[in-house]
PDB file of N, CA and C in Angstrom:
ATOM      1  N   UNK A   1     110.183 115.137 137.519  1.00  0.00           N
ATOM      2  CA  UNK A   1     110.952 113.914 137.392  1.00  0.00           C
ATOM      3  C   UNK A   1     112.365 114.179 138.000  1.00  0.00           C
ATOM      4  N   UNK A   2     112.855 112.921 138.624  1.00  0.00           N
ATOM      5  CA  UNK A   2     114.094 113.122 139.305  1.00  0.00           C
ATOM      6  C   UNK A   2     115.265 113.365 138.422  1.00  0.00           C
ATOM      7  N   UNK A   3     115.958 114.363 138.430  1.00  0.00           N
ATOM      8  CA  UNK A   3     117.041 114.776 137.678  1.00  0.00           C
ATOM      9  C   UNK A   3     117.859 113.581 137.330  1.00  0.00           C
ATOM     10  N   UNK A   4     118.346 112.788 138.240  1.00  0.00           N
ATOM     11  CA  UNK A   4     119.175 111.778 138.173  1.00  0.00           C
ATOM     12  C   UNK A   4     118.746 110.607 137.119  1.00  0.00           C
ATOM     13  N   UNK A   5     117.358 110.435 137.126  1.00  0.00           N
ATOM     14  CA  UNK A   5     116.782 109.719 136.203  1.00  0.00           C
ATOM     15  C   UNK A   5     116.391 110.129 134.732  1.00  0.00           C
ATOM     16  N   UNK A   6     116.642 111.471 134.515  1.00  0.00           N
ATOM     17  CA  UNK A   6     116.494 111.966 133.317  1.00  0.00           C
ATOM     18  C   UNK A   6     117.499 111.643 132.277  1.00  0.00           C
ATOM     19  N   UNK A   7     116.939 111.314 131.060  1.00  0.00           N
ATOM     20  CA  UNK A   7     117.780 111.151 129.911  1.00  0.00           C
ATOM     21  C   UNK A   7     118.710 112.281 129.446  1.00  0.00           C
ATOM     22  N   UNK A   8     119.885 112.155 129.145  1.00  0.00           N
ATOM     23  CA  UNK A   8     120.783 113.244 128.720  1.00  0.00           C
ATOM     24  C   UNK A   8     120.269 113.631 127.609  1.00  0.00           C
ATOM     25  N   UNK A   9     120.313 114.994 127.118  1.00  0.00           N
ATOM     26  CA  UNK A   9     119.784 115.477 126.059  1.00  0.00           C
ATOM     27  C   UNK A   9     120.853 114.984 124.754  1.00  0.00           C
ATOM     28  N   UNK A  10     120.337 114.465 123.700  1.00  0.00           N
ATOM     29  CA  UNK A  10     121.250 113.896 122.620  1.00  0.00           C
ATOM     30  C   UNK A  10     121.744 115.081 121.927  1.00  0.00           C
ATOM     31  N   UNK A  11     122.930 114.953 121.287  1.00  0.00           N
ATOM     32  CA  UNK A  11     123.445 115.953 120.448  1.00  0.00           C
ATOM     33  C   UNK A  11     122.987 115.508 118.954  1.00  0.00           C
ATOM     34  N   UNK A  12     123.048 116.445 118.124  1.00  0.00           N
ATOM     35  CA  UNK A  12     122.818 116.278 116.620  1.00  0.00           C
ATOM     36  C   UNK A  12     123.915 115.465 116.162  1.00  0.00           C
ATOM     37  N   UNK A  13     123.828 114.657 115.005  1.00  0.00           N
ATOM     38  CA  UNK A  13     124.895 114.154 114.427  1.00  0.00           C
ATOM     39  C   UNK A  13     126.132 115.153 114.113  1.00  0.00           C
ATOM     40  N   UNK A  14     125.951 116.230 113.922  1.00  0.00           N
ATOM     41  CA  UNK A  14     127.137 117.273 113.722  1.00  0.00           C
ATOM     42  C   UNK A  14     127.813 117.656 114.797  1.00  0.00           C
ATOM     43  N   UNK A  15     127.164 117.591 115.977  1.00  0.00           N
ATOM     44  CA  UNK A  15     127.879 117.958 117.395  1.00  0.00           C
ATOM     45  C   UNK A  15     128.414 116.934 117.875  1.00  0.00           C
ATOM     46  N   UNK A  16     128.301 115.536 117.474  1.00  0.00           N
ATOM     47  CA  UNK A  16     128.859 114.309 118.117  1.00  0.00           C
ATOM     48  C   UNK A  16     130.575 114.348 118.028  1.00  0.00           C
ATOM     49  N   UNK A  17     131.128 114.322 119.171  1.00  0.00           N
ATOM     50  CA  UNK A  17     132.539 114.349 119.249  1.00  0.00           C
ATOM     51  C   UNK A  17     133.382 112.979 119.293  1.00  0.00           C
ATOM     52  N   UNK A  18     132.520 112.017 119.848  1.00  0.00           N
ATOM     53  CA  UNK A  18     132.857 110.562 120.094  1.00  0.00           C
ATOM     54  C   UNK A  18     131.842 109.636 119.965  1.00  0.00           C
ATOM     55  N   UNK A  19     132.197 108.352 120.423  1.00  0.00           N
ATOM     56  CA  UNK A  19     131.311 107.370 119.948  1.00  0.00           C
ATOM     57  C   UNK A  19     130.214 107.276 121.210  1.00  0.00           C
ATOM     58  N   UNK A  20     130.437 108.008 122.380  1.00  0.00           N
ATOM     59  CA  UNK A  20     129.563 107.809 123.331  1.00  0.00           C
ATOM     60  C   UNK A  20     128.339 108.966 122.986  1.00  0.00           C
ATOM     61  N   UNK A  21     128.921 109.877 122.333  1.00  0.00           N
ATOM     62  CA  UNK A  21     127.782 110.902 121.804  1.00  0.00           C
ATOM     63  C   UNK A  21     126.880 110.233 120.793  1.00  0.00           C
ATOM     64  N   UNK A  22     127.598 109.558 119.758  1.00  0.00           N
ATOM     65  CA  UNK A  22     126.790 108.916 118.794  1.00  0.00           C
ATOM     66  C   UNK A  22     125.716 107.999 119.281  1.00  0.00           C
ATOM     67  N   UNK A  23     126.304 107.078 120.273  1.00  0.00           N
ATOM     68  CA  UNK A  23     125.438 105.948 120.816  1.00  0.00           C
ATOM     69  C   UNK A  23     124.245 106.497 121.486  1.00  0.00           C
ATOM     70  N   UNK A  24     124.472 107.716 122.225  1.00  0.00           N
ATOM     71  CA  UNK A  24     123.486 108.255 123.112  1.00  0.00           C
ATOM     72  C   UNK A  24     122.454 108.928 122.037  1.00  0.00           C
ATOM     73  N   UNK A  25     122.847 109.465 120.838  1.00  0.00           N
ATOM     74  CA  UNK A  25     121.927 109.988 119.972  1.00  0.00           C
ATOM     75  C   UNK A  25     121.166 108.826 119.254  1.00  0.00           C
ATOM     76  N   UNK A  26     121.750 107.851 119.023  1.00  0.00           N
ATOM     77  CA  UNK A  26     121.045 106.608 118.429  1.00  0.00           C
ATOM     78  C   UNK A  26     120.066 106.037 119.365  1.00  0.00           C
ATOM     79  N   UNK A  27     120.373 106.021 120.873  1.00  0.00           N
ATOM     80  CA  UNK A  27     119.415 105.449 121.620  1.00  0.00           C
ATOM     81  C   UNK A  27     118.311 106.424 121.814  1.00  0.00           C
ATOM     82  N   UNK A  28     118.421 107.579 121.790  1.00  0.00           N
ATOM     83  CA  UNK A  28     117.510 108.598 121.991  1.00  0.00           C
ATOM     84  C   UNK A  28     116.547 108.509 120.801  1.00  0.00           C
ATOM     85  N   UNK A  29     117.153 108.522 119.642  1.00  0.00           N
ATOM     86  CA  UNK A  29     116.344 108.385 118.361  1.00  0.00           C
ATOM     87  C   UNK A  29     115.516 106.829 118.332  1.00  0.00           C
ATOM     88  N   UNK A  30     116.173 105.952 118.768  1.00  0.00           N
ATOM     89  CA  UNK A  30     115.457 104.563 118.917  1.00  0.00           C
ATOM     90  C   UNK A  30     114.183 104.771 119.792  1.00  0.00           C
ATOM     91  N   UNK A  31     114.313 105.435 120.808  1.00  0.00           N
ATOM     92  CA  UNK A  31     113.312 105.590 121.679  1.00  0.00           C
ATOM     93  C   UNK A  31     111.999 106.375 121.026  1.00  0.00           C
ATOM     94  N   UNK A  32     112.470 107.385 120.337  1.00  0.00           N
ATOM     95  CA  UNK A  32     111.500 108.283 119.548  1.00  0.00           C
ATOM     96  C   UNK A  32     110.945 107.431 118.531  1.00  0.00           C
ATOM     97  N   UNK A  33     111.629 106.611 117.791  1.00  0.00           N
ATOM     98  CA  UNK A  33     110.916 105.740 116.645  1.00  0.00           C
ATOM     99  C   UNK A  33     110.039 104.814 117.398  1.00  0.00           C
ATOM    100  N   UNK A  34     110.227 104.148 118.404  1.00  0.00           N
ATOM    101  CA  UNK A  34     109.216 103.271 118.990  1.00  0.00           C
ATOM    102  C   UNK A  34     108.064 104.008 119.459  1.00  0.00           C
ATOM    103  N   UNK A  35     108.160 105.212 119.783  1.00  0.00           N
ATOM    104  CA  UNK A  35     106.949 106.044 120.161  1.00  0.00           C
ATOM    105  C   UNK A  35     106.068 106.400 118.846  1.00  0.00           C
ATOM    106  N   UNK A  36     106.957 106.719 117.838  1.00  0.00           N
ATOM    107  CA  UNK A  36     106.054 106.816 116.535  1.00  0.00           C
ATOM    108  C   UNK A  36     105.529 105.763 115.966  1.00  0.00           C
ATOM    109  N   UNK A  37     106.156 104.590 116.234  1.00  0.00           N
ATOM    110  CA  UNK A  37     105.554 103.181 115.884  1.00  0.00           C
ATOM    111  C   UNK A  37     104.402 102.860 116.696  1.00  0.00           C
ATOM    112  N   UNK A  38     104.348 103.225 117.962  1.00  0.00           N
ATOM    113  CA  UNK A  38     103.072 103.120 118.808  1.00  0.00           C
ATOM    114  C   UNK A  38     102.091 103.930 118.179  1.00  0.00           C
ATOM    115  N   UNK A  39     102.191 105.041 117.709  1.00  0.00           N
ATOM    116  CA  UNK A  39     101.234 105.859 117.042  1.00  0.00           C
ATOM    117  C   UNK A  39     100.712 105.177 115.899  1.00  0.00           C
ATOM    118  N   UNK A  40     101.677 104.754 114.888  1.00  0.00           N
ATOM    119  CA  UNK A  40     101.171 104.165 113.720  1.00  0.00           C
ATOM    120  C   UNK A  40     100.428 102.973 113.941  1.00  0.00           C
ATOM    121  N   UNK A  41     100.779 102.162 115.061  1.00  0.00           N
ATOM    122  CA  UNK A  41     100.068 100.892 115.200  1.00  0.00           C
ATOM    123  C   UNK A  41      98.624 101.479 115.841  1.00  0.00           C
ATOM    124  N   UNK A  42      98.578 102.467 116.442  1.00  0.00           N
ATOM    125  CA  UNK A  42      97.373 102.965 116.914  1.00  0.00           C
ATOM    126  C   UNK A  42      96.381 103.178 115.737  1.00  0.00           C
ATOM    127  N   UNK A  43      96.832 103.595 114.622  1.00  0.00           N
ATOM    128  CA  UNK A  43      96.152 103.769 113.567  1.00  0.00           C
ATOM    129  C   UNK A  43      95.651 102.518 112.872  1.00  0.00           C
ATOM    130  N   UNK A  44      96.485 101.419 112.908  1.00  0.00           N
ATOM    131  CA  UNK A  44      96.130 100.290 112.621  1.00  0.00           C
ATOM    132  C   UNK A  44      94.874  99.534 113.289  1.00  0.00           C
ATOM    133  N   UNK A  45      95.041  99.877 114.713  1.00  0.00           N
ATOM    134  CA  UNK A  45      93.839  99.457 115.582  1.00  0.00           C
ATOM    135  C   UNK A  45      92.740 100.404 115.320  1.00  0.00           C
ATOM    136  N   UNK A  46      92.653 101.492 114.633  1.00  0.00           N
ATOM    137  CA  UNK A  46      91.549 102.442 114.335  1.00  0.00           C
ATOM    138  C   UNK A  46      91.062 101.810 112.981  1.00  0.00           C
ATOM    139  N   UNK A  47      91.991 101.499 112.116  1.00  0.00           N
ATOM    140  CA  UNK A  47      91.553 100.770 110.795  1.00  0.00           C
ATOM    141  C   UNK A  47      90.745  99.522 111.074  1.00  0.00           C
ATOM    142  N   UNK A  48      91.291  98.809 111.990  1.00  0.00           N
ATOM    143  CA  UNK A  48      90.605  97.445 112.551  1.00  0.00           C
ATOM    144  C   UNK A  48      89.223  97.644 112.828  1.00  0.00           C
ATOM    145  N   UNK A  49      89.035  98.575 113.763  1.00  0.00           N
ATOM    146  CA  UNK A  49      87.721  99.137 114.199  1.00  0.00           C
ATOM    147  C   UNK A  49      86.752  99.687 113.057  1.00  0.00           C
ATOM    148  N   UNK A  50      87.432 100.482 112.235  1.00  0.00           N
ATOM    149  CA  UNK A  50      86.471 100.998 111.011  1.00  0.00           C
ATOM    150  C   UNK A  50      86.093 100.100 110.059  1.00  0.00           C
ATOM    151  N   UNK A  51      87.280  99.346 109.535  1.00  0.00           N
ATOM    152  CA  UNK A  51      86.742  98.271 108.509  1.00  0.00           C
ATOM    153  C   UNK A  51      85.826  97.378 108.730  1.00  0.00           C
ATOM    154  N   UNK A  52      84.779  97.177 107.931  1.00  0.00           N
ATOM    155  CA  UNK A  52      83.694  96.173 108.424  1.00  0.00           C
ATOM    156  C   UNK A  52      84.162  94.816 107.866  1.00  0.00           C
ATOM    157  N   UNK A  53      84.861  94.691 106.637  1.00  0.00           N
ATOM    158  CA  UNK A  53      85.118  93.470 106.150  1.00  0.00           C
ATOM    159  C   UNK A  53      86.601  93.087 106.244  1.00  0.00           C
ATOM    160  N   UNK A  54      87.018  91.964 106.633  1.00  0.00           N
ATOM    161  CA  UNK A  54      88.383  91.554 107.171  1.00  0.00           C
ATOM    162  C   UNK A  54      89.123  91.538 105.885  1.00  0.00           C
ATOM    163  N   UNK A  55      88.476  91.157 104.692  1.00  0.00           N
ATOM    164  CA  UNK A  55      89.027  91.093 103.390  1.00  0.00           C
ATOM    165  C   UNK A  55      89.867  92.413 102.910  1.00  0.00           C
ATOM    166  N   UNK A  56      89.332  93.483 103.528  1.00  0.00           N
ATOM    167  CA  UNK A  56      89.832  94.765 103.176  1.00  0.00           C
ATOM    168  C   UNK A  56      90.975  95.182 103.835  1.00  0.00           C
ATOM    169  N   UNK A  57      91.482  94.352 104.905  1.00  0.00           N
ATOM    170  CA  UNK A  57      92.543  94.830 105.774  1.00  0.00           C
ATOM    171  C   UNK A  57      93.845  94.576 104.854  1.00  0.00           C
ATOM    172  N   UNK A  58      93.852  93.767 104.036  1.00  0.00           N
ATOM    173  CA  UNK A  58      95.264  93.518 103.173  1.00  0.00           C
ATOM    174  C   UNK A  58      94.729  94.328 101.835  1.00  0.00           C
ATOM    175  N   UNK A  59      95.625  95.320 101.443  1.00  0.00           N
ATOM    176  CA  UNK A  59      95.334  96.124 100.336  1.00  0.00           C
ATOM    177  C   UNK A  59      96.605  96.272  99.609  1.00  0.00           C
ATOM    178  N   UNK A  60      96.904  95.343  98.581  1.00  0.00           N
ATOM    179  CA  UNK A  60      98.261  95.396  97.860  1.00  0.00           C
ATOM    180  C   UNK A  60      98.591  96.748  97.267  1.00  0.00           C
ATOM    181  N   UNK A  61      97.518  97.344  96.750  1.00  0.00           N
ATOM    182  CA  UNK A  61      97.790  98.642  95.975  1.00  0.00           C
ATOM    183  C   UNK A  61      98.235  99.820  96.948  1.00  0.00           C
ATOM    184  N   UNK A  62      97.640  99.840  98.089  1.00  0.00           N
ATOM    185  CA  UNK A  62      97.986 100.720  99.178  1.00  0.00           C
ATOM    186  C   UNK A  62      99.547 100.352  99.885  1.00  0.00           C
ATOM    187  N   UNK A  63      99.591  99.139  99.990  1.00  0.00           N
ATOM    188  CA  UNK A  63     100.936  98.679 100.445  1.00  0.00           C
ATOM    189  C   UNK A  63     102.044  99.145  99.506  1.00  0.00           C
ATOM    190  N   UNK A  64     101.779  98.891  98.209  1.00  0.00           N
ATOM    191  CA  UNK A  64     102.810  99.267  97.274  1.00  0.00           C
ATOM    192  C   UNK A  64     103.049 100.738  97.255  1.00  0.00           C
ATOM    193  N   UNK A  65     102.040 101.465  97.164  1.00  0.00           N
ATOM    194  CA  UNK A  65     102.119 102.957  97.342  1.00  0.00           C
ATOM    195  C   UNK A  65     102.880 103.546  98.428  1.00  0.00           C
ATOM    196  N   UNK A  66     102.528 102.976  99.764  1.00  0.00           N
ATOM    197  CA  UNK A  66     103.332 103.199 100.949  1.00  0.00           C
ATOM    198  C   UNK A  66     104.795 103.037 100.980  1.00  0.00           C
ATOM    199  N   UNK A  67     105.049 101.891 100.257  1.00  0.00           N
ATOM    200  CA  UNK A  67     106.440 101.472 100.231  1.00  0.00           C
ATOM    201  C   UNK A  67     107.245 102.332  99.198  1.00  0.00           C
ATOM    202  N   UNK A  68     106.562 102.551  98.098  1.00  0.00           N
ATOM    203  CA  UNK A  68     107.073 103.362  97.024  1.00  0.00           C
ATOM    204  C   UNK A  68     107.297 104.934  97.637  1.00  0.00           C
ATOM    205  N   UNK A  69     106.460 105.252  98.371  1.00  0.00           N
ATOM    206  CA  UNK A  69     106.525 106.657  99.032  1.00  0.00           C
ATOM    207  C   UNK A  69     107.925 106.709  99.837  1.00  0.00           C
ATOM    208  N   UNK A  70     107.980 105.674 100.604  1.00  0.00           N
ATOM    209  CA  UNK A  70     109.124 105.611 101.560  1.00  0.00           C
ATOM    210  C   UNK A  70     110.635 105.627 100.650  1.00  0.00           C
ATOM    211  N   UNK A  71     110.455 104.877  99.523  1.00  0.00           N
ATOM    212  CA  UNK A  71     111.537 104.715  98.618  1.00  0.00           C
ATOM    213  C   UNK A  71     111.849 106.071  98.178  1.00  0.00           C
ATOM    214  N   UNK A  72     110.875 106.731  97.517  1.00  0.00           N
ATOM    215  CA  UNK A  72     111.013 108.113  96.897  1.00  0.00           C
ATOM    216  C   UNK A  72     111.669 109.126  97.964  1.00  0.00           C
ATOM    217  N   UNK A  73     111.084 109.142  99.155  1.00  0.00           N
ATOM    218  CA  UNK A  73     111.568 110.036 100.208  1.00  0.00           C
ATOM    219  C   UNK A  73     112.903 109.731 100.649  1.00  0.00           C
ATOM    220  N   UNK A  74     113.331 108.535 100.719  1.00  0.00           N
ATOM    221  CA  UNK A  74     114.655 108.041 101.028  1.00  0.00           C
ATOM    222  C   UNK A  74     115.679 108.576  99.941  1.00  0.00           C
ATOM    223  N   UNK A  75     115.203 108.356  98.720  1.00  0.00           N
ATOM    224  CA  UNK A  75     116.209 108.946  97.518  1.00  0.00           C
ATOM    225  C   UNK A  75     116.305 110.351  97.644  1.00  0.00           C
ATOM    226  N   UNK A  76     115.125 111.085  97.957  1.00  0.00           N
ATOM    227  CA  UNK A  76     115.333 112.638  98.044  1.00  0.00           C
ATOM    228  C   UNK A  76     116.271 112.954  99.285  1.00  0.00           C
ATOM    229  N   UNK A  77     116.376 112.235 100.209  1.00  0.00           N
ATOM    230  CA  UNK A  77     117.251 112.541 101.367  1.00  0.00           C
ATOM    231  C   UNK A  77     118.654 111.983 101.283  1.00  0.00           C
ATOM    232  N   UNK A  78     118.929 111.448 100.065  1.00  0.00           N
ATOM    233  CA  UNK A  78     120.173 110.662  99.967  1.00  0.00           C
ATOM    234  C   UNK A  78     120.444 109.503 100.722  1.00  0.00           C
ATOM    235  N   UNK A  79     119.265 108.690 101.096  1.00  0.00           N
ATOM    236  CA  UNK A  79     119.378 107.580 101.908  1.00  0.00           C
ATOM    237  C   UNK A  79     119.508 106.218 101.023  1.00  0.00           C
ATOM    238  N   UNK A  80     119.935 105.121 101.565  1.00  0.00           N
ATOM    239  CA  UNK A  80     119.835 103.932 100.624  1.00  0.00           C
ATOM    240  C   UNK A  80     118.264 103.584 100.401  1.00  0.00           C
ATOM    241  N   UNK A  81     117.842 103.968  99.402  1.00  0.00           N
ATOM    242  CA  UNK A  81     116.388 103.775  98.987  1.00  0.00           C
ATOM    243  C   UNK A  81     116.032 102.335  99.181  1.00  0.00           C
ATOM    244  N   UNK A  82     116.690 101.348  98.501  1.00  0.00           N
ATOM    245  CA  UNK A  82     116.220  99.987  98.420  1.00  0.00           C
ATOM    246  C   UNK A  82     116.107  99.369  99.953  1.00  0.00           C
ATOM    247  N   UNK A  83     117.095  99.798 100.872  1.00  0.00           N
ATOM    248  CA  UNK A  83     117.052  99.397 102.286  1.00  0.00           C
ATOM    249  C   UNK A  83     115.917  99.913 103.015  1.00  0.00           C
ATOM    250  N   UNK A  84     115.618 101.143 102.810  1.00  0.00           N
ATOM    251  CA  UNK A  84     114.576 101.837 103.350  1.00  0.00           C
ATOM    252  C   UNK A  84     112.966 101.179 102.847  1.00  0.00           C
ATOM    253  N   UNK A  85     113.144 100.919 101.475  1.00  0.00           N
ATOM    254  CA  UNK A  85     111.936 100.168 100.945  1.00  0.00           C
ATOM    255  C   UNK A  85     111.823  98.899 101.684  1.00  0.00           C
ATOM    256  N   UNK A  86     112.837  98.107 101.899  1.00  0.00           N
ATOM    257  CA  UNK A  86     112.897  96.898 102.777  1.00  0.00           C
ATOM    258  C   UNK A  86     112.217  96.770 104.060  1.00  0.00           C
ATOM    259  N   UNK A  87     112.614  97.979 104.664  1.00  0.00           N
ATOM    260  CA  UNK A  87     112.227  98.183 106.145  1.00  0.00           C
ATOM    261  C   UNK A  87     110.761  98.552 105.984  1.00  0.00           C
ATOM    262  N   UNK A  88     110.294  99.408 105.041  1.00  0.00           N
ATOM    263  CA  UNK A  88     108.881  99.690 105.017  1.00  0.00           C
ATOM    264  C   UNK A  88     108.106  98.492 104.659  1.00  0.00           C
ATOM    265  N   UNK A  89     108.575  97.713 103.911  1.00  0.00           N
ATOM    266  CA  UNK A  89     107.701  96.423 103.363  1.00  0.00           C
ATOM    267  C   UNK A  89     107.600  95.540 104.601  1.00  0.00           C
ATOM    268  N   UNK A  90     108.628  95.545 105.374  1.00  0.00           N
ATOM    269  CA  UNK A  90     108.340  94.547 106.772  1.00  0.00           C
ATOM    270  C   UNK A  90     107.528  95.441 107.608  1.00  0.00           C
ATOM    271  N   UNK A  91     107.661  96.715 107.707  1.00  0.00           N
ATOM    272  CA  UNK A  91     106.691  97.524 108.625  1.00  0.00           C
ATOM    273  C   UNK A  91     105.389  97.379 108.215  1.00  0.00           C
ATOM    274  N   UNK A  92     104.882  97.466 106.727  1.00  0.00           N
ATOM    275  CA  UNK A  92     103.577  97.306 106.410  1.00  0.00           C
ATOM    276  C   UNK A  92     103.083  95.991 106.684  1.00  0.00           C
ATOM    277  N   UNK A  93     103.762  94.967 106.555  1.00  0.00           N
ATOM    278  CA  UNK A  93     103.430  93.611 106.613  1.00  0.00           C
ATOM    279  C   UNK A  93     103.134  93.355 108.198  1.00  0.00           C
ATOM    280  N   UNK A  94     104.061  93.910 109.134  1.00  0.00           N
ATOM    281  CA  UNK A  94     103.844  93.905 110.345  1.00  0.00           C
ATOM    282  C   UNK A  94     102.476  94.408 110.688  1.00  0.00           C
ATOM    283  N   UNK A  95     102.322  95.656 110.128  1.00  0.00           N
ATOM    284  CA  UNK A  95     101.094  96.491 110.389  1.00  0.00           C
ATOM    285  C   UNK A  95      99.648  95.617 109.944  1.00  0.00           C
ATOM    286  N   UNK A  96      99.822  95.007 108.774  1.00  0.00           N
ATOM    287  CA  UNK A  96      98.806  94.268 108.328  1.00  0.00           C
ATOM    288  C   UNK A  96      98.371  93.048 109.379  1.00  0.00           C
ATOM    289  N   UNK A  97      99.580  92.479 109.721  1.00  0.00           N
ATOM    290  CA  UNK A  97      99.317  91.366 110.692  1.00  0.00           C
ATOM    291  C   UNK A  97      98.671  91.724 111.972  1.00  0.00           C
ATOM    292  N   UNK A  98      99.200  92.840 112.622  1.00  0.00           N
ATOM    293  CA  UNK A  98      98.665  93.433 113.627  1.00  0.00           C
ATOM    294  C   UNK A  98      97.214  93.997 113.543  1.00  0.00           C
ATOM    295  N   UNK A  99      96.807  94.529 112.259  1.00  0.00           N
ATOM    296  CA  UNK A  99      95.510  95.001 112.068  1.00  0.00           C
ATOM    297  C   UNK A  99      94.590  93.855 111.916  1.00  0.00           C
ATOM    298  N   UNK A 100      94.949  92.703 111.483  1.00  0.00           N
ATOM    299  CA  UNK A 100      94.043  91.445 111.341  1.00  0.00           C
ATOM    300  C   UNK A 100      93.975  90.968 112.594  1.00  0.00           C
ATOM    301  N   UNK A 101      94.918  90.912 113.425  1.00  0.00           N
ATOM    302  CA  UNK A 101      94.723  90.454 114.834  1.00  0.00           C
ATOM    303  C   UNK A 101      93.701  91.369 115.486  1.00  0.00           C
ATOM    304  N   UNK A 102      93.855  92.679 115.587  1.00  0.00           N
ATOM    305  CA  UNK A 102      92.826  93.517 116.189  1.00  0.00           C
ATOM    306  C   UNK A 102      91.332  93.409 115.554  1.00  0.00           C
ATOM    307  N   UNK A 103      91.313  93.336 114.248  1.00  0.00           N
ATOM    308  CA  UNK A 103      90.253  93.102 113.644  1.00  0.00           C
ATOM    309  C   UNK A 103      89.312  91.883 114.152  1.00  0.00           C
ATOM    310  N   UNK A 104      90.040  90.672 114.278  1.00  0.00           N
ATOM    311  CA  UNK A 104      89.542  89.569 114.902  1.00  0.00           C
ATOM    312  C   UNK A 104      89.182  89.856 116.501  1.00  0.00           C
ATOM    313  N   UNK A 105      90.011  90.507 117.222  1.00  0.00           N
ATOM    314  CA  UNK A 105      89.729  90.819 118.546  1.00  0.00           C
ATOM    315  C   UNK A 105      88.713  91.702 118.746  1.00  0.00           C
ATOM    316  N   UNK A 106      88.439  92.838 118.099  1.00  0.00           N
ATOM    317  CA  UNK A 106      87.371  93.721 117.957  1.00  0.00           C
ATOM    318  C   UNK A 106      85.900  92.959 117.867  1.00  0.00           C
ATOM    319  N   UNK A 107      86.040  92.027 116.858  1.00  0.00           N
ATOM    320  CA  UNK A 107      84.629  91.246 116.489  1.00  0.00           C
ATOM    321  C   UNK A 107      84.636  90.028 117.120  1.00  0.00           C
ATOM    322  N   UNK A 108      85.487  89.639 118.023  1.00  0.00           N
ATOM    323  CA  UNK A 108      85.614  88.544 118.683  1.00  0.00           C
ATOM    324  C   UNK A 108      84.605  87.381 118.446  1.00  0.00           C
TER     325      UNK A 108
END
């Protein structure tokens, strides 16, 4: 890769000395998060392919367990647990919508 186009290595939060460092770290982390979300949505495509019944795409018990697990993990890490739970609720809803779209596409 052309060295001029290569992203600078982000500093850890503890290493940041100014807002340029902070913003570079946040931007790098955002790219990583999107890559991880791409993988997560890949699992939704797999679920759409595997599930034979469209009615099984929405599973409220599973959704509640996933959101609760995110809340508990946030609490353990000293993060705002309700904000994380809200993010996860939205993530799971987006995942369900995506999986339904994929389910319909696969069975066209």
